Amino acid sequence: MTEREYRQHHAISRSELWRMHESPEKFKWFKDHPPEPTPALTFGQVVHKLLLQPETFDEDFAVLTEMDRRTKVGKEAFDAFLSRLEGRTAVIQADYDKAQEMASAVRRSRLATSLLVGEHEIEFFWTDPDTHEDCKCRCDCLTKTDDGHYIIVDYKTAGSAKTDVFNQSIFKYGYHFQAAMYSEGVMRAMDLDYRPEFVFIVQEKAAPYAVNVVSIPETVMLAGIDTFREYIGLYHQCKGTDYWFGYNGAFDEPNEAYLPGWMQLGVDEEE
């Protein structure tokens, strides 16, 4: 299955369901109006492809070499390039070269390389037993250990791959939720009697493209499971009623302002 076919499948994905952390209203709007890929997202896809499926890179991307489009020759070359795209995404030479350097840096990490020996870009589909909603996930890599257990490996790019900085990103961007949803999906789709481990390979986007491997412990996984159960339940509820409420909640009640932490600390000290 291609990535495009996977995205077109009707089952709910992690990236879609995570929109529930804003509101069901936001979820529904983005579901009905999928945003165009940003340059940052496209670059991340290029690195993913070069790292995990380099043999199929030319099926999805085409590298635009430097050419002076102010000249007749350059304009003709550019027009010829566009005519050969055939649905592929254009990537400028500088981004391609940087993505190649990043992929090479990951391969120089012995720990990261040892985790990426499994099957790459593999899709899983399952029906949630509580809500009966169809779900899907696409794992960057599924690796089987020597003792027969599976590890889900996910690759992320970041401004900083330092553990404490990435730990903040885990909860800011819902990566704990991703780990929980993916581990549940693999467990149910493969009929396992355990949740696979989940590990992130995090890489900085600036040279020397440092790499960090960060595992998800049980405490973080449990927090992600709670979030997944909350959001899939909310999705099921809103889908059944076709009421996708906003910031004021299902009962349309006003929210209340509150003192920021630093001001509250001052109030407490005065009391």
C-alpha atoms as a PDB file:
ATOM      1  CA  MET A   1       0.000   0.000   0.000  1.00  0.00           C
ATOM      2  CA  THR A   2       1.346   3.410  -0.931  1.00  0.00           C
ATOM      3  CA  GLU A   3       1.321   6.300   1.514  1.00  0.00           C
ATOM      4  CA  ARG A   4      -1.331   8.014  -0.598  1.00  0.00           C
ATOM      5  CA  GLU A   5      -3.567   4.919  -0.489  1.00  0.00           C
ATOM      6  CA  TYR A   6      -3.046   4.696   3.262  1.00  0.00           C
ATOM      7  CA  ARG A   7      -4.050   8.323   3.784  1.00  0.00           C
ATOM      8  CA  GLN A   8      -7.185   7.843   1.674  1.00  0.00           C
ATOM      9  CA  HIS A   9      -8.356   4.865   3.758  1.00  0.00           C
ATOM     10  CA  HIS A  10     -11.442   5.773   5.788  1.00  0.00           C
ATOM     11  CA  ALA A  11     -10.117   4.592   9.192  1.00  0.00           C
ATOM     12  CA  ILE A  12      -9.148   7.246  11.744  1.00  0.00           C
ATOM     13  CA  SER A  13      -5.441   7.994  12.094  1.00  0.00           C
ATOM     14  CA  ARG A  14      -3.309   9.266  14.924  1.00  0.00           C
ATOM     15  CA  SER A  15      -2.673  12.662  13.324  1.00  0.00           C
ATOM     16  CA  GLU A  16      -6.405  13.181  12.780  1.00  0.00           C
ATOM     17  CA  LEU A  17      -7.499  12.006  16.222  1.00  0.00           C
ATOM     18  CA  TRP A  18      -4.901  14.171  17.969  1.00  0.00           C
ATOM     19  CA  ARG A  19      -6.865  17.228  16.774  1.00  0.00           C
ATOM     20  CA  MET A  20      -9.316  16.369  19.558  1.00  0.00           C
ATOM     21  CA  HIS A  21      -6.891  17.939  22.040  1.00  0.00           C
ATOM     22  CA  GLU A  22      -8.005  21.316  20.662  1.00  0.00           C
ATOM     23  CA  SER A  23     -11.708  20.579  20.255  1.00  0.00           C
ATOM     24  CA  PRO A  24     -14.063  18.319  18.268  1.00  0.00           C
ATOM     25  CA  GLU A  25     -14.917  21.392  16.188  1.00  0.00           C
ATOM     26  CA  LYS A  26     -11.272  21.766  15.154  1.00  0.00           C
ATOM     27  CA  PHE A  27     -11.043  18.032  14.482  1.00  0.00           C
ATOM     28  CA  LYS A  28     -14.078  18.079  12.176  1.00  0.00           C
ATOM     29  CA  TRP A  29     -12.915  21.138  10.273  1.00  0.00           C
ATOM     30  CA  PHE A  30      -9.459  19.710   9.558  1.00  0.00           C
ATOM     31  CA  LYS A  31     -10.999  16.335   8.715  1.00  0.00           C
ATOM     32  CA  ASP A  32     -13.170  18.015   6.081  1.00  0.00           C
ATOM     33  CA  HIS A  33     -10.435  20.439   4.963  1.00  0.00           C
ATOM     34  CA  PRO A  34      -7.103  18.578   4.953  1.00  0.00           C
ATOM     35  CA  PRO A  35      -4.281  21.140   5.019  1.00  0.00           C
ATOM     36  CA  GLU A  36      -1.717  21.280   2.241  1.00  0.00           C
ATOM     37  CA  PRO A  37       1.686  19.855   3.244  1.00  0.00           C
ATOM     38  CA  THR A  38       4.009  22.513   4.628  1.00  0.00           C
ATOM     39  CA  PRO A  39       7.632  22.757   3.433  1.00  0.00           C
ATOM     40  CA  ALA A  40       8.738  21.384   6.824  1.00  0.00           C
ATOM     41  CA  LEU A  41       6.402  18.398   6.500  1.00  0.00           C
ATOM     42  CA  THR A  42       7.538  17.714   2.949  1.00  0.00           C
ATOM     43  CA  PHE A  43      11.179  17.827   4.008  1.00  0.00           C
ATOM     44  CA  GLY A  44      10.458  15.382   6.821  1.00  0.00           C
ATOM     45  CA  GLN A  45       8.829  13.047   4.300  1.00  0.00           C
ATOM     46  CA  VAL A  46      11.932  13.255   2.111  1.00  0.00           C
ATOM     47  CA  VAL A  47      14.199  12.262   4.999  1.00  0.00           C
ATOM     48  CA  HIS A  48      11.822   9.445   5.954  1.00  0.00           C
ATOM     49  CA  LYS A  49      11.893   8.106   2.419  1.00  0.00           C
ATOM     50  CA  LEU A  50      15.681   8.276   2.073  1.00  0.00           C
ATOM     51  CA  LEU A  51      16.155   6.631   5.459  1.00  0.00           C
ATOM     52  CA  LEU A  52      13.473   3.953   5.348  1.00  0.00           C
ATOM     53  CA  GLN A  53      12.661   3.316   1.671  1.00  0.00           C
ATOM     54  CA  PRO A  54      15.423   4.819  -0.484  1.00  0.00           C
ATOM     55  CA  GLU A  55      14.760   2.296  -3.245  1.00  0.00           C
ATOM     56  CA  THR A  56      11.327   3.858  -3.907  1.00  0.00           C
ATOM     57  CA  PHE A  57      12.365   7.517  -3.580  1.00  0.00           C
ATOM     58  CA  ASP A  58      11.962   8.225  -7.301  1.00  0.00           C
ATOM     59  CA  GLU A  59       8.374   6.943  -7.205  1.00  0.00           C
ATOM     60  CA  ASP A  60       7.275   9.759  -4.894  1.00  0.00           C
ATOM     61  CA  PHE A  61       9.813  12.566  -5.366  1.00  0.00           C
ATOM     62  CA  ALA A  62      11.769  14.276  -8.124  1.00  0.00           C
ATOM     63  CA  VAL A  63      14.896  16.346  -7.459  1.00  0.00           C
ATOM     64  CA  LEU A  64      14.949  19.774  -9.056  1.00  0.00           C
ATOM     65  CA  THR A  65      18.539  20.586  -9.951  1.00  0.00           C
ATOM     66  CA  GLU A  66      19.732  24.164 -10.014  1.00  0.00           C
ATOM     67  CA  MET A  67      18.787  26.039 -13.164  1.00  0.00           C
ATOM     68  CA  ASP A  68      18.503  29.671 -14.099  1.00  0.00           C
ATOM     69  CA  ARG A  69      14.845  30.102 -15.032  1.00  0.00           C
ATOM     70  CA  ARG A  70      15.527  33.655 -16.168  1.00  0.00           C
ATOM     71  CA  THR A  71      17.159  32.252 -19.292  1.00  0.00           C
ATOM     72  CA  LYS A  72      15.406  30.523 -22.171  1.00  0.00           C
ATOM     73  CA  VAL A  73      17.403  27.322 -21.635  1.00  0.00           C
ATOM     74  CA  GLY A  74      16.637  27.337 -17.923  1.00  0.00           C
ATOM     75  CA  LYS A  75      12.936  27.952 -18.479  1.00  0.00           C
ATOM     76  CA  GLU A  76      12.735  25.131 -21.012  1.00  0.00           C
ATOM     77  CA  ALA A  77      14.550  22.782 -18.621  1.00  0.00           C
ATOM     78  CA  PHE A  78      12.155  23.722 -15.807  1.00  0.00           C
ATOM     79  CA  ASP A  79       9.093  23.161 -17.991  1.00  0.00           C
ATOM     80  CA  ALA A  80      10.480  19.767 -19.007  1.00  0.00           C
ATOM     81  CA  PHE A  81      10.995  18.916 -15.322  1.00  0.00           C
ATOM     82  CA  LEU A  82       7.386  19.800 -14.510  1.00  0.00           C
ATOM     83  CA  SER A  83       6.125  17.659 -17.385  1.00  0.00           C
ATOM     84  CA  ARG A  84       7.926  14.642 -15.905  1.00  0.00           C
ATOM     85  CA  LEU A  85       6.599  15.035 -12.353  1.00  0.00           C
ATOM     86  CA  GLU A  86       3.513  12.877 -12.949  1.00  0.00           C
ATOM     87  CA  GLY A  87       2.121  13.405  -9.445  1.00  0.00           C
ATOM     88  CA  ARG A  88       5.462  13.279  -7.678  1.00  0.00           C
ATOM     89  CA  THR A  89       6.599  15.972  -5.238  1.00  0.00           C
ATOM     90  CA  ALA A  90       9.389  18.286  -6.372  1.00  0.00           C
ATOM     91  CA  VAL A  91      12.392  18.600  -4.039  1.00  0.00           C
ATOM     92  CA  ILE A  92      15.091  21.218  -4.526  1.00  0.00           C
ATOM     93  CA  GLN A  93      18.667  19.959  -4.716  1.00  0.00           C
ATOM     94  CA  ALA A  94      19.736  21.618  -1.445  1.00  0.00           C
ATOM     95  CA  ASP A  95      16.971  19.905   0.538  1.00  0.00           C
ATOM     96  CA  TYR A  96      17.743  16.570  -1.081  1.00  0.00           C
ATOM     97  CA  ASP A  97      21.443  16.861  -0.231  1.00  0.00           C
ATOM     98  CA  LYS A  98      20.660  17.786   3.372  1.00  0.00           C
ATOM     99  CA  ALA A  99      18.197  14.909   3.703  1.00  0.00           C
ATOM    100  CA  GLN A 100      20.857  12.513   2.404  1.00  0.00           C
ATOM    101  CA  GLU A 101      23.315  13.778   5.012  1.00  0.00           C
ATOM    102  CA  MET A 102      20.718  13.322   7.747  1.00  0.00           C
ATOM    103  CA  ALA A 103      19.916   9.766   6.663  1.00  0.00           C
ATOM    104  CA  SER A 104      23.636   8.958   6.631  1.00  0.00           C
ATOM    105  CA  ALA A 105      24.024  10.359  10.149  1.00  0.00           C
ATOM    106  CA  VAL A 106      21.266   8.041  11.418  1.00  0.00           C
ATOM    107  CA  ARG A 107      22.984   5.066   9.815  1.00  0.00           C
ATOM    108  CA  ARG A 108      26.205   5.962  11.657  1.00  0.00           C
ATOM    109  CA  SER A 109      24.388   5.457  14.967  1.00  0.00           C
ATOM    110  CA  ARG A 110      24.871   1.823  15.922  1.00  0.00           C
ATOM    111  CA  LEU A 111      21.890   1.875  18.281  1.00  0.00           C
ATOM    112  CA  ALA A 112      19.557   3.463  15.724  1.00  0.00           C
ATOM    113  CA  THR A 113      20.749   1.082  13.013  1.00  0.00           C
ATOM    114  CA  SER A 114      20.140  -1.941  15.229  1.00  0.00           C
ATOM    115  CA  LEU A 115      16.538  -0.799  15.769  1.00  0.00           C
ATOM    116  CA  LEU A 116      15.845  -0.241  12.063  1.00  0.00           C
ATOM    117  CA  VAL A 117      16.505  -3.822  10.951  1.00  0.00           C
ATOM    118  CA  GLY A 118      12.790  -4.667  10.843  1.00  0.00           C
ATOM    119  CA  GLU A 119      10.113  -4.075   8.229  1.00  0.00           C
ATOM    120  CA  HIS A 120       9.705  -0.450   7.184  1.00  0.00           C
ATOM    121  CA  GLU A 121       6.541   1.571   6.526  1.00  0.00           C
ATOM    122  CA  ILE A 122       4.031  -1.109   7.483  1.00  0.00           C
ATOM    123  CA  GLU A 123       0.307  -0.373   7.892  1.00  0.00           C
ATOM    124  CA  PHE A 124      -2.046  -1.783  10.504  1.00  0.00           C
ATOM    125  CA  PHE A 125      -5.841  -1.605  10.613  1.00  0.00           C
ATOM    126  CA  TRP A 126      -8.099  -2.581  13.476  1.00  0.00           C
ATOM    127  CA  THR A 127     -11.521  -1.956  14.992  1.00  0.00           C
ATOM    128  CA  ASP A 128     -11.547  -0.440  18.458  1.00  0.00           C
ATOM    129  CA  PRO A 129     -13.422  -2.950  20.677  1.00  0.00           C
ATOM    130  CA  ASP A 130     -15.055  -0.291  22.884  1.00  0.00           C
ATOM    131  CA  THR A 131     -16.330   2.135  20.240  1.00  0.00           C
ATOM    132  CA  HIS A 132     -16.264  -0.116  17.142  1.00  0.00           C
ATOM    133  CA  GLU A 133     -14.506   2.682  15.262  1.00  0.00           C
ATOM    134  CA  ASP A 134     -12.056   1.715  12.517  1.00  0.00           C
ATOM    135  CA  CYS A 135      -8.492   2.838  13.267  1.00  0.00           C
ATOM    136  CA  LYS A 136      -5.215   2.764  11.382  1.00  0.00           C
ATOM    137  CA  CYS A 137      -1.522   3.401  11.911  1.00  0.00           C
ATOM    138  CA  ARG A 138       1.577   3.274   9.722  1.00  0.00           C
ATOM    139  CA  CYS A 139       4.741   2.285  11.577  1.00  0.00           C
ATOM    140  CA  ASP A 140       8.095   3.584  10.386  1.00  0.00           C
ATOM    141  CA  CYS A 141       9.639   0.292  11.435  1.00  0.00           C
ATOM    142  CA  LEU A 142       8.541  -2.868  13.250  1.00  0.00           C
ATOM    143  CA  THR A 143      11.504  -4.834  14.568  1.00  0.00           C
ATOM    144  CA  LYS A 144      11.445  -8.286  16.140  1.00  0.00           C
ATOM    145  CA  THR A 145      13.947  -8.839  18.949  1.00  0.00           C
ATOM    146  CA  ASP A 146      15.951 -11.979  19.590  1.00  0.00           C
ATOM    147  CA  ASP A 147      13.444 -13.072  22.238  1.00  0.00           C
ATOM    148  CA  GLY A 148      10.568 -12.818  19.763  1.00  0.00           C
ATOM    149  CA  HIS A 149       9.044  -9.548  20.976  1.00  0.00           C
ATOM    150  CA  TYR A 150       8.255  -6.584  18.748  1.00  0.00           C
ATOM    151  CA  ILE A 151       9.468  -3.008  18.989  1.00  0.00           C
ATOM    152  CA  ILE A 152       7.782  -0.155  17.144  1.00  0.00           C
ATOM    153  CA  VAL A 153      10.360   2.384  15.966  1.00  0.00           C
ATOM    154  CA  ASP A 154       9.366   5.907  14.971  1.00  0.00           C
ATOM    155  CA  TYR A 155      11.655   8.506  13.403  1.00  0.00           C
ATOM    156  CA  LYS A 156      11.279  12.205  14.287  1.00  0.00           C
ATOM    157  CA  THR A 157      13.204  15.327  13.348  1.00  0.00           C
ATOM    158  CA  ALA A 158      13.547  18.077  15.936  1.00  0.00           C
ATOM    159  CA  GLY A 159      15.277  21.342  16.658  1.00  0.00           C
ATOM    160  CA  SER A 160      16.969  19.647  19.607  1.00  0.00           C
ATOM    161  CA  ALA A 161      17.264  15.925  20.241  1.00  0.00           C
ATOM    162  CA  LYS A 162      18.353  16.368  23.858  1.00  0.00           C
ATOM    163  CA  THR A 163      16.311  14.048  26.050  1.00  0.00           C
ATOM    164  CA  ASP A 164      14.844  16.736  28.326  1.00  0.00           C
ATOM    165  CA  VAL A 165      13.848  18.906  25.359  1.00  0.00           C
ATOM    166  CA  PHE A 166      12.294  16.035  23.415  1.00  0.00           C
ATOM    167  CA  ASN A 167      10.478  14.910  26.565  1.00  0.00           C
ATOM    168  CA  GLN A 168       8.593  18.214  26.490  1.00  0.00           C
ATOM    169  CA  SER A 169       7.733  17.622  22.830  1.00  0.00           C
ATOM    170  CA  ILE A 170       6.319  14.194  23.690  1.00  0.00           C
ATOM    171  CA  PHE A 171       3.466  15.774  25.613  1.00  0.00           C
ATOM    172  CA  LYS A 172       3.194  18.968  23.578  1.00  0.00           C
ATOM    173  CA  TYR A 173       2.699  17.138  20.281  1.00  0.00           C
ATOM    174  CA  GLY A 174       1.022  13.996  21.616  1.00  0.00           C
ATOM    175  CA  TYR A 175       3.794  11.528  20.944  1.00  0.00           C
ATOM    176  CA  HIS A 176       2.781   9.578  24.085  1.00  0.00           C
ATOM    177  CA  PHE A 177      -0.680   9.319  22.513  1.00  0.00           C
ATOM    178  CA  GLN A 178       0.924   8.110  19.270  1.00  0.00           C
ATOM    179  CA  ALA A 179       2.901   5.445  21.108  1.00  0.00           C
ATOM    180  CA  ALA A 180      -0.245   4.187  22.825  1.00  0.00           C
ATOM    181  CA  MET A 181      -2.383   4.150  19.673  1.00  0.00           C
ATOM    182  CA  TYR A 182       0.293   2.443  17.582  1.00  0.00           C
ATOM    183  CA  SER A 183       1.092  -0.179  20.214  1.00  0.00           C
ATOM    184  CA  GLU A 184      -2.610  -0.976  20.564  1.00  0.00           C
ATOM    185  CA  GLY A 185      -3.020  -1.171  16.810  1.00  0.00           C
ATOM    186  CA  VAL A 186      -0.109  -3.556  16.329  1.00  0.00           C
ATOM    187  CA  MET A 187      -1.228  -5.645  19.302  1.00  0.00           C
ATOM    188  CA  ARG A 188      -4.771  -6.053  17.948  1.00  0.00           C
ATOM    189  CA  ALA A 189      -3.903  -6.389  14.262  1.00  0.00           C
ATOM    190  CA  MET A 190      -1.271  -9.061  14.987  1.00  0.00           C
ATOM    191  CA  ASP A 191      -3.308 -10.686  17.781  1.00  0.00           C
ATOM    192  CA  LEU A 192      -0.488 -10.319  20.295  1.00  0.00           C
ATOM    193  CA  ASP A 193      -0.954 -10.849  24.033  1.00  0.00           C
ATOM    194  CA  TYR A 194       1.197  -7.813  24.900  1.00  0.00           C
ATOM    195  CA  ARG A 195       1.759  -4.230  23.816  1.00  0.00           C
ATOM    196  CA  PRO A 196       4.948  -3.867  21.749  1.00  0.00           C
ATOM    197  CA  GLU A 197       7.605  -1.525  23.073  1.00  0.00           C
ATOM    198  CA  PHE A 198       7.837   1.897  21.465  1.00  0.00           C
ATOM    199  CA  VAL A 199      11.050   3.776  20.689  1.00  0.00           C
ATOM    200  CA  PHE A 200      11.732   7.117  19.029  1.00  0.00           C
ATOM    201  CA  ILE A 201      14.787   7.872  16.929  1.00  0.00           C
ATOM    202  CA  VAL A 202      15.095  11.648  17.222  1.00  0.00           C
ATOM    203  CA  GLN A 203      17.398  13.632  14.962  1.00  0.00           C
ATOM    204  CA  GLU A 204      18.344  17.299  14.947  1.00  0.00           C
ATOM    205  CA  LYS A 205      17.770  19.243  11.742  1.00  0.00           C
ATOM    206  CA  ALA A 206      21.058  21.139  11.921  1.00  0.00           C
ATOM    207  CA  ALA A 207      24.568  19.752  11.426  1.00  0.00           C
ATOM    208  CA  PRO A 208      26.002  17.504  12.725  1.00  0.00           C
ATOM    209  CA  TYR A 209      22.451  16.059  12.719  1.00  0.00           C
ATOM    210  CA  ALA A 210      22.834  14.484  16.151  1.00  0.00           C
ATOM    211  CA  VAL A 211      20.735  11.411  16.915  1.00  0.00           C
ATOM    212  CA  ASN A 212      19.105  10.332  20.181  1.00  0.00           C
ATOM    213  CA  VAL A 213      17.141   7.147  20.868  1.00  0.00           C
ATOM    214  CA  VAL A 214      14.346   7.659  23.409  1.00  0.00           C
ATOM    215  CA  SER A 215      12.190   4.807  24.675  1.00  0.00           C
ATOM    216  CA  ILE A 216       8.674   5.157  26.069  1.00  0.00           C
ATOM    217  CA  PRO A 217       8.427   3.713  29.609  1.00  0.00           C
ATOM    218  CA  GLU A 218       5.267   2.215  31.062  1.00  0.00           C
ATOM    219  CA  THR A 219       4.304   5.388  32.952  1.00  0.00           C
ATOM    220  CA  VAL A 220       4.332   7.479  29.764  1.00  0.00           C
ATOM    221  CA  MET A 221       2.598   4.718  27.809  1.00  0.00           C
ATOM    222  CA  LEU A 222      -0.209   4.563  30.391  1.00  0.00           C
ATOM    223  CA  ALA A 223      -0.722   8.328  30.087  1.00  0.00           C
ATOM    224  CA  GLY A 224      -0.937   7.896  26.324  1.00  0.00           C
ATOM    225  CA  ILE A 225      -3.457   5.066  26.677  1.00  0.00           C
ATOM    226  CA  ASP A 226      -5.686   7.279  28.818  1.00  0.00           C
ATOM    227  CA  THR A 227      -5.507  10.023  26.188  1.00  0.00           C
ATOM    228  CA  PHE A 228      -6.252   7.618  23.346  1.00  0.00           C
ATOM    229  CA  ARG A 229      -9.270   6.181  25.154  1.00  0.00           C
ATOM    230  CA  GLU A 230     -10.547   9.704  25.861  1.00  0.00           C
ATOM    231  CA  TYR A 231     -10.190  10.900  22.276  1.00  0.00           C
ATOM    232  CA  ILE A 232     -11.520   7.790  20.531  1.00  0.00           C
ATOM    233  CA  GLY A 233     -14.510   7.892  22.892  1.00  0.00           C
ATOM    234  CA  LEU A 234     -15.067  11.571  22.165  1.00  0.00           C
ATOM    235  CA  TYR A 235     -14.779  10.951  18.438  1.00  0.00           C
ATOM    236  CA  HIS A 236     -17.349   8.156  18.670  1.00  0.00           C
ATOM    237  CA  GLN A 237     -19.727  10.355  20.670  1.00  0.00           C
ATOM    238  CA  CYS A 238     -19.503  13.320  18.317  1.00  0.00           C
ATOM    239  CA  LYS A 239     -19.798  11.116  15.259  1.00  0.00           C
ATOM    240  CA  GLY A 240     -22.956   9.515  16.634  1.00  0.00           C
ATOM    241  CA  THR A 241     -24.639  12.824  17.474  1.00  0.00           C
ATOM    242  CA  ASP A 242     -23.070  14.876  14.653  1.00  0.00           C
ATOM    243  CA  TYR A 243     -22.430  17.540  17.269  1.00  0.00           C
ATOM    244  CA  TRP A 244     -18.822  18.700  17.049  1.00  0.00           C
ATOM    245  CA  PHE A 245     -18.638  21.171  19.885  1.00  0.00           C
ATOM    246  CA  GLY A 246     -15.991  23.831  20.369  1.00  0.00           C
ATOM    247  CA  TYR A 247     -14.069  25.383  23.253  1.00  0.00           C
ATOM    248  CA  ASN A 248     -17.168  25.773  25.437  1.00  0.00           C
ATOM    249  CA  GLY A 249     -17.797  22.051  25.605  1.00  0.00           C
ATOM    250  CA  ALA A 250     -20.761  19.789  24.959  1.00  0.00           C
ATOM    251  CA  PHE A 251     -22.987  21.796  27.334  1.00  0.00           C
ATOM    252  CA  ASP A 252     -21.955  25.197  25.921  1.00  0.00           C
ATOM    253  CA  GLU A 253     -20.748  26.602  29.234  1.00  0.00           C
ATOM    254  CA  PRO A 254     -18.399  29.591  29.629  1.00  0.00           C
ATOM    255  CA  ASN A 255     -14.790  28.957  30.525  1.00  0.00           C
ATOM    256  CA  GLU A 256     -13.165  30.829  33.402  1.00  0.00           C
ATOM    257  CA  ALA A 257      -9.967  32.854  33.314  1.00  0.00           C
ATOM    258  CA  TYR A 258      -7.311  32.025  35.889  1.00  0.00           C
ATOM    259  CA  LEU A 259      -4.162  33.493  37.319  1.00  0.00           C
ATOM    260  CA  PRO A 260      -0.925  32.324  35.691  1.00  0.00           C
ATOM    261  CA  GLY A 261       1.316  30.256  37.915  1.00  0.00           C
ATOM    262  CA  TRP A 262       3.761  33.044  38.733  1.00  0.00           C
ATOM    263  CA  MET A 263       0.955  35.371  39.864  1.00  0.00           C
ATOM    264  CA  GLN A 264      -0.715  32.656  41.906  1.00  0.00           C
ATOM    265  CA  LEU A 265       2.575  32.063  43.677  1.00  0.00           C
ATOM    266  CA  GLY A 266       2.660  35.719  44.698  1.00  0.00           C
ATOM    267  CA  VAL A 267      -0.903  35.580  46.002  1.00  0.00           C
ATOM    268  CA  ASP A 268      -0.156  32.476  48.043  1.00  0.00           C
ATOM    269  CA  GLU A 269       2.905  34.115  49.598  1.00  0.00           C
ATOM    270  CA  GLU A 270       0.874  37.210  50.598  1.00  0.00           C
ATOM    271  CA  GLU A 271      -1.750  35.054  52.263  1.00  0.00           C
END
